[in-house]
Amino acid sequence: MHLSSVSLHIALIKTVANKQQKSLWETGGSKIDSRMHGRILRRLDALDAATAPEDMNLPGFDFHALRGHTPTRVTVHVNGPWCFTFEFSDGDAYSLDYEQNH
């Protein structure tokens, strides 16, 4: 769970694919461009609080399902070509990745 978040629930982000993203989430430090940290952490906080994928359908997030994935993967925009992709099952986010989506 992000250090600055005040939350009483168990983190809903179960698995993270990107090491630097995981480091940023857990420790606040990462090799990811520091100009992106605020945007990334806002999305991670929102995802941690989400109980369904549609909870990520927020202004500026460009939430949508990706085609051709089973189980369904969804994405939210971070900046430029960078986005988060993830799967959602039983109220938890899995296989969260920070990647370029061309």
N, C-alpha and C. Protein backbone atom coordinates (compact mmCIF):
# COMPACT_ATOMS: atom_id res chain seq x y z
N MET A 1 0.85 -1.16 0.00
CA MET A 1 0.00 0.00 0.00
C MET A 1 0.90 1.23 0.00
N HIS A 2 0.53 2.24 -0.74
CA HIS A 2 1.30 3.48 -0.83
C HIS A 2 1.42 4.09 0.55
N LEU A 3 2.60 4.56 0.90
CA LEU A 3 2.89 5.05 2.23
C LEU A 3 2.03 6.23 2.65
N SER A 4 1.64 7.10 1.71
CA SER A 4 0.88 8.28 2.08
C SER A 4 -0.62 8.01 2.15
N SER A 5 -1.05 6.81 1.79
CA SER A 5 -2.48 6.57 1.80
C SER A 5 -2.93 6.17 3.19
N VAL A 6 -4.07 6.70 3.59
CA VAL A 6 -4.66 6.37 4.87
C VAL A 6 -5.82 5.45 4.57
N SER A 7 -5.64 4.18 4.87
CA SER A 7 -6.62 3.20 4.48
C SER A 7 -6.67 2.10 5.52
N LEU A 8 -7.85 1.57 5.77
CA LEU A 8 -8.01 0.50 6.73
C LEU A 8 -8.23 -0.85 6.07
N HIS A 9 -8.25 -0.89 4.75
CA HIS A 9 -8.48 -2.16 4.07
C HIS A 9 -7.15 -2.77 3.61
N ILE A 10 -7.19 -4.04 3.33
CA ILE A 10 -6.02 -4.74 2.81
C ILE A 10 -5.82 -4.30 1.37
N ALA A 11 -4.56 -4.08 0.99
CA ALA A 11 -4.26 -3.65 -0.38
C ALA A 11 -4.91 -4.59 -1.38
N LEU A 12 -5.55 -4.02 -2.38
CA LEU A 12 -6.24 -4.82 -3.38
C LEU A 12 -5.37 -5.10 -4.59
N ILE A 13 -4.21 -4.48 -4.66
CA ILE A 13 -3.28 -4.76 -5.75
C ILE A 13 -2.49 -6.00 -5.32
N LYS A 14 -2.77 -7.12 -5.95
CA LYS A 14 -2.19 -8.39 -5.51
C LYS A 14 -0.86 -8.72 -6.17
N THR A 15 -0.73 -8.50 -7.48
CA THR A 15 0.53 -8.81 -8.15
C THR A 15 0.93 -7.67 -9.07
N VAL A 16 2.23 -7.37 -9.06
CA VAL A 16 2.79 -6.27 -9.84
C VAL A 16 3.91 -6.83 -10.70
N ALA A 17 3.87 -6.56 -12.00
CA ALA A 17 4.85 -7.11 -12.93
C ALA A 17 6.11 -6.27 -13.05
N ASN A 18 6.02 -4.95 -12.86
CA ASN A 18 7.14 -4.05 -13.09
C ASN A 18 7.85 -3.75 -11.77
N LYS A 19 9.16 -4.08 -11.68
CA LYS A 19 9.92 -3.92 -10.44
C LYS A 19 9.97 -2.47 -9.97
N GLN A 20 10.16 -1.54 -10.90
CA GLN A 20 10.27 -0.14 -10.52
C GLN A 20 8.94 0.42 -10.04
N GLN A 21 7.87 -0.03 -10.66
CA GLN A 21 6.53 0.37 -10.23
C GLN A 21 6.26 -0.14 -8.82
N LYS A 22 6.63 -1.38 -8.57
CA LYS A 22 6.45 -1.97 -7.24
C LYS A 22 7.26 -1.21 -6.20
N SER A 23 8.49 -0.85 -6.53
CA SER A 23 9.34 -0.09 -5.63
C SER A 23 8.73 1.27 -5.30
N LEU A 24 8.22 1.96 -6.31
CA LEU A 24 7.59 3.26 -6.10
C LEU A 24 6.40 3.12 -5.17
N TRP A 25 5.58 2.11 -5.39
CA TRP A 25 4.38 1.88 -4.58
C TRP A 25 4.73 1.55 -3.14
N GLU A 26 5.75 0.70 -2.95
CA GLU A 26 6.08 0.23 -1.60
C GLU A 26 6.97 1.18 -0.81
N THR A 27 7.90 1.87 -1.50
CA THR A 27 8.90 2.66 -0.79
C THR A 27 8.88 4.14 -1.13
N GLY A 28 8.22 4.51 -2.22
CA GLY A 28 8.22 5.90 -2.67
C GLY A 28 9.41 6.23 -3.54
N GLY A 29 10.30 5.26 -3.77
CA GLY A 29 11.48 5.48 -4.60
C GLY A 29 11.49 4.55 -5.80
N SER A 30 12.03 5.04 -6.93
CA SER A 30 12.02 4.25 -8.16
C SER A 30 12.92 4.92 -9.19
N LYS A 31 13.34 4.15 -10.18
CA LYS A 31 14.08 4.69 -11.31
C LYS A 31 13.15 5.28 -12.37
N ILE A 32 11.85 5.12 -12.19
CA ILE A 32 10.88 5.73 -13.10
C ILE A 32 11.03 7.23 -13.00
N ASP A 33 10.93 7.92 -14.13
CA ASP A 33 11.06 9.37 -14.19
C ASP A 33 10.27 10.02 -13.05
N SER A 34 10.95 10.79 -12.21
CA SER A 34 10.32 11.37 -11.03
C SER A 34 9.17 12.31 -11.38
N ARG A 35 9.17 12.86 -12.60
CA ARG A 35 8.06 13.72 -13.01
C ARG A 35 6.75 12.95 -13.13
N MET A 36 6.84 11.63 -13.23
CA MET A 36 5.66 10.77 -13.38
C MET A 36 5.13 10.25 -12.05
N HIS A 37 5.91 10.36 -10.98
CA HIS A 37 5.54 9.74 -9.71
C HIS A 37 4.16 10.15 -9.22
N GLY A 38 3.83 11.42 -9.24
CA GLY A 38 2.52 11.87 -8.75
C GLY A 38 1.37 11.24 -9.52
N ARG A 39 1.48 11.24 -10.85
CA ARG A 39 0.42 10.65 -11.68
C ARG A 39 0.31 9.14 -11.42
N ILE A 40 1.45 8.49 -11.31
CA ILE A 40 1.45 7.05 -11.07
C ILE A 40 0.82 6.74 -9.72
N LEU A 41 1.24 7.45 -8.69
CA LEU A 41 0.74 7.17 -7.34
C LEU A 41 -0.75 7.46 -7.22
N ARG A 42 -1.26 8.49 -7.91
CA ARG A 42 -2.71 8.75 -7.88
C ARG A 42 -3.47 7.57 -8.48
N ARG A 43 -2.96 7.01 -9.55
CA ARG A 43 -3.63 5.87 -10.18
C ARG A 43 -3.52 4.62 -9.32
N LEU A 44 -2.37 4.43 -8.70
CA LEU A 44 -2.22 3.27 -7.82
C LEU A 44 -3.12 3.39 -6.59
N ASP A 45 -3.24 4.58 -6.04
CA ASP A 45 -4.15 4.78 -4.91
C ASP A 45 -5.59 4.48 -5.32
N ALA A 46 -5.99 4.96 -6.51
CA ALA A 46 -7.35 4.70 -7.00
C ALA A 46 -7.57 3.21 -7.22
N LEU A 47 -6.57 2.54 -7.80
CA LEU A 47 -6.70 1.11 -8.06
C LEU A 47 -6.76 0.34 -6.75
N ASP A 48 -5.98 0.74 -5.78
CA ASP A 48 -5.99 0.07 -4.49
C ASP A 48 -7.35 0.17 -3.81
N ALA A 49 -8.05 1.27 -4.04
CA ALA A 49 -9.38 1.46 -3.44
C ALA A 49 -10.50 0.85 -4.28
N ALA A 50 -10.22 0.51 -5.53
CA ALA A 50 -11.25 -0.01 -6.44
C ALA A 50 -11.73 -1.39 -6.01
N THR A 51 -13.03 -1.62 -6.19
CA THR A 51 -13.59 -2.94 -5.93
C THR A 51 -14.08 -3.61 -7.21
N ALA A 52 -14.05 -2.85 -8.31
CA ALA A 52 -14.43 -3.36 -9.63
C ALA A 52 -13.62 -2.56 -10.65
N PRO A 53 -13.34 -3.14 -11.81
CA PRO A 53 -12.55 -2.42 -12.80
C PRO A 53 -13.16 -1.07 -13.19
N GLU A 54 -14.49 -1.00 -13.22
CA GLU A 54 -15.16 0.24 -13.62
C GLU A 54 -14.91 1.40 -12.65
N ASP A 55 -14.46 1.08 -11.44
CA ASP A 55 -14.12 2.13 -10.48
C ASP A 55 -12.93 2.97 -10.98
N MET A 56 -12.21 2.47 -11.96
CA MET A 56 -11.07 3.18 -12.52
C MET A 56 -11.49 4.08 -13.69
N ASN A 57 -12.78 4.12 -13.99
CA ASN A 57 -13.27 4.96 -15.07
C ASN A 57 -13.42 6.39 -14.55
N LEU A 58 -12.29 7.05 -14.36
CA LEU A 58 -12.22 8.39 -13.78
C LEU A 58 -11.73 9.38 -14.83
N PRO A 59 -12.08 10.67 -14.69
CA PRO A 59 -11.61 11.67 -15.65
C PRO A 59 -10.08 11.66 -15.77
N GLY A 60 -9.61 11.64 -17.01
CA GLY A 60 -8.18 11.66 -17.28
C GLY A 60 -7.50 10.31 -17.26
N PHE A 61 -8.21 9.27 -16.86
CA PHE A 61 -7.59 7.94 -16.79
C PHE A 61 -7.73 7.16 -18.10
N ASP A 62 -8.63 7.57 -18.99
CA ASP A 62 -8.86 6.88 -20.26
C ASP A 62 -9.01 5.37 -20.05
N PHE A 63 -9.85 4.99 -19.13
CA PHE A 63 -10.09 3.58 -18.80
C PHE A 63 -10.76 2.87 -19.97
N HIS A 64 -10.26 1.68 -20.33
CA HIS A 64 -10.93 0.84 -21.31
C HIS A 64 -10.35 -0.57 -21.28
N ALA A 65 -11.15 -1.51 -21.76
CA ALA A 65 -10.71 -2.90 -21.87
C ALA A 65 -9.82 -3.06 -23.09
N LEU A 66 -8.84 -3.93 -22.98
CA LEU A 66 -7.98 -4.24 -24.13
C LEU A 66 -8.58 -5.42 -24.87
N ARG A 67 -8.51 -5.38 -26.17
CA ARG A 67 -9.07 -6.46 -26.99
C ARG A 67 -8.11 -7.64 -27.05
N GLY A 68 -8.71 -8.83 -27.17
CA GLY A 68 -7.94 -10.04 -27.42
C GLY A 68 -7.25 -10.64 -26.21
N HIS A 69 -7.69 -10.30 -25.00
CA HIS A 69 -7.06 -10.85 -23.80
C HIS A 69 -8.07 -11.67 -23.01
N THR A 70 -7.63 -12.86 -22.62
CA THR A 70 -8.42 -13.70 -21.73
C THR A 70 -7.49 -14.17 -20.63
N PRO A 71 -7.74 -13.83 -19.36
CA PRO A 71 -8.87 -13.03 -18.90
C PRO A 71 -8.75 -11.58 -19.37
N THR A 72 -9.84 -10.86 -19.24
CA THR A 72 -9.90 -9.47 -19.70
C THR A 72 -8.86 -8.62 -18.98
N ARG A 73 -8.10 -7.86 -19.77
CA ARG A 73 -7.17 -6.87 -19.23
C ARG A 73 -7.73 -5.50 -19.54
N VAL A 74 -7.55 -4.60 -18.60
CA VAL A 74 -7.99 -3.23 -18.79
C VAL A 74 -6.79 -2.31 -18.66
N THR A 75 -6.96 -1.07 -19.09
CA THR A 75 -5.86 -0.12 -19.06
C THR A 75 -6.35 1.23 -18.58
N VAL A 76 -5.45 1.96 -17.93
CA VAL A 76 -5.66 3.36 -17.61
C VAL A 76 -4.43 4.13 -18.05
N HIS A 77 -4.65 5.28 -18.62
CA HIS A 77 -3.60 6.14 -19.15
C HIS A 77 -2.83 6.80 -18.00
N VAL A 78 -1.50 6.89 -18.15
CA VAL A 78 -0.68 7.62 -17.19
C VAL A 78 -0.19 8.91 -17.84
N ASN A 79 0.59 8.78 -18.91
CA ASN A 79 1.09 9.97 -19.61
C ASN A 79 1.72 9.52 -20.93
N GLY A 80 1.46 10.29 -22.00
CA GLY A 80 2.01 9.91 -23.30
C GLY A 80 1.62 8.48 -23.62
N PRO A 81 2.58 7.65 -24.04
CA PRO A 81 2.26 6.26 -24.36
C PRO A 81 2.22 5.36 -23.13
N TRP A 82 2.52 5.89 -21.96
CA TRP A 82 2.59 5.06 -20.76
C TRP A 82 1.22 4.85 -20.13
N CYS A 83 1.00 3.59 -19.72
CA CYS A 83 -0.28 3.23 -19.10
C CYS A 83 -0.08 2.09 -18.12
N PHE A 84 -1.10 1.86 -17.32
CA PHE A 84 -1.17 0.67 -16.48
C PHE A 84 -2.12 -0.30 -17.16
N THR A 85 -1.74 -1.56 -17.19
CA THR A 85 -2.65 -2.61 -17.63
C THR A 85 -2.78 -3.59 -16.47
N PHE A 86 -3.95 -4.17 -16.34
CA PHE A 86 -4.17 -5.10 -15.24
C PHE A 86 -5.39 -5.95 -15.49
N GLU A 87 -5.51 -7.00 -14.71
CA GLU A 87 -6.69 -7.87 -14.69
C GLU A 87 -7.37 -7.66 -13.35
N PHE A 88 -8.66 -7.92 -13.31
CA PHE A 88 -9.42 -7.74 -12.07
C PHE A 88 -10.20 -9.01 -11.81
N SER A 89 -10.11 -9.53 -10.60
CA SER A 89 -10.83 -10.74 -10.25
C SER A 89 -11.22 -10.70 -8.78
N ASP A 90 -12.47 -10.95 -8.49
CA ASP A 90 -12.97 -11.01 -7.11
C ASP A 90 -12.57 -9.78 -6.29
N GLY A 91 -12.63 -8.59 -6.90
CA GLY A 91 -12.35 -7.36 -6.18
C GLY A 91 -10.89 -7.01 -6.03
N ASP A 92 -10.00 -7.76 -6.67
CA ASP A 92 -8.57 -7.52 -6.56
C ASP A 92 -7.94 -7.32 -7.93
N ALA A 93 -6.88 -6.51 -7.99
CA ALA A 93 -6.14 -6.28 -9.23
C ALA A 93 -4.95 -7.23 -9.28
N TYR A 94 -4.74 -7.82 -10.45
CA TYR A 94 -3.65 -8.77 -10.66
C TYR A 94 -2.86 -8.38 -11.90
N SER A 95 -1.63 -8.85 -11.95
CA SER A 95 -0.76 -8.66 -13.12
C SER A 95 -0.69 -7.21 -13.55
N LEU A 96 -0.61 -6.32 -12.57
CA LEU A 96 -0.50 -4.90 -12.85
C LEU A 96 0.84 -4.61 -13.50
N ASP A 97 0.82 -3.92 -14.64
CA ASP A 97 2.06 -3.60 -15.34
C ASP A 97 2.04 -2.14 -15.78
N TYR A 98 3.19 -1.53 -15.78
CA TYR A 98 3.38 -0.16 -16.27
C TYR A 98 4.12 -0.31 -17.58
N GLU A 99 3.47 0.06 -18.67
CA GLU A 99 4.07 -0.22 -19.98
C GLU A 99 3.67 0.82 -21.00
N GLN A 100 4.38 0.80 -22.12
CA GLN A 100 4.04 1.66 -23.23
C GLN A 100 3.00 0.95 -24.08
N ASN A 101 1.94 1.67 -24.40
CA ASN A 101 0.87 1.13 -25.23
C ASN A 101 0.82 1.98 -26.50
N HIS A 102 1.33 1.44 -27.57
CA HIS A 102 1.42 2.23 -28.83
C HIS A 102 0.11 2.20 -29.53
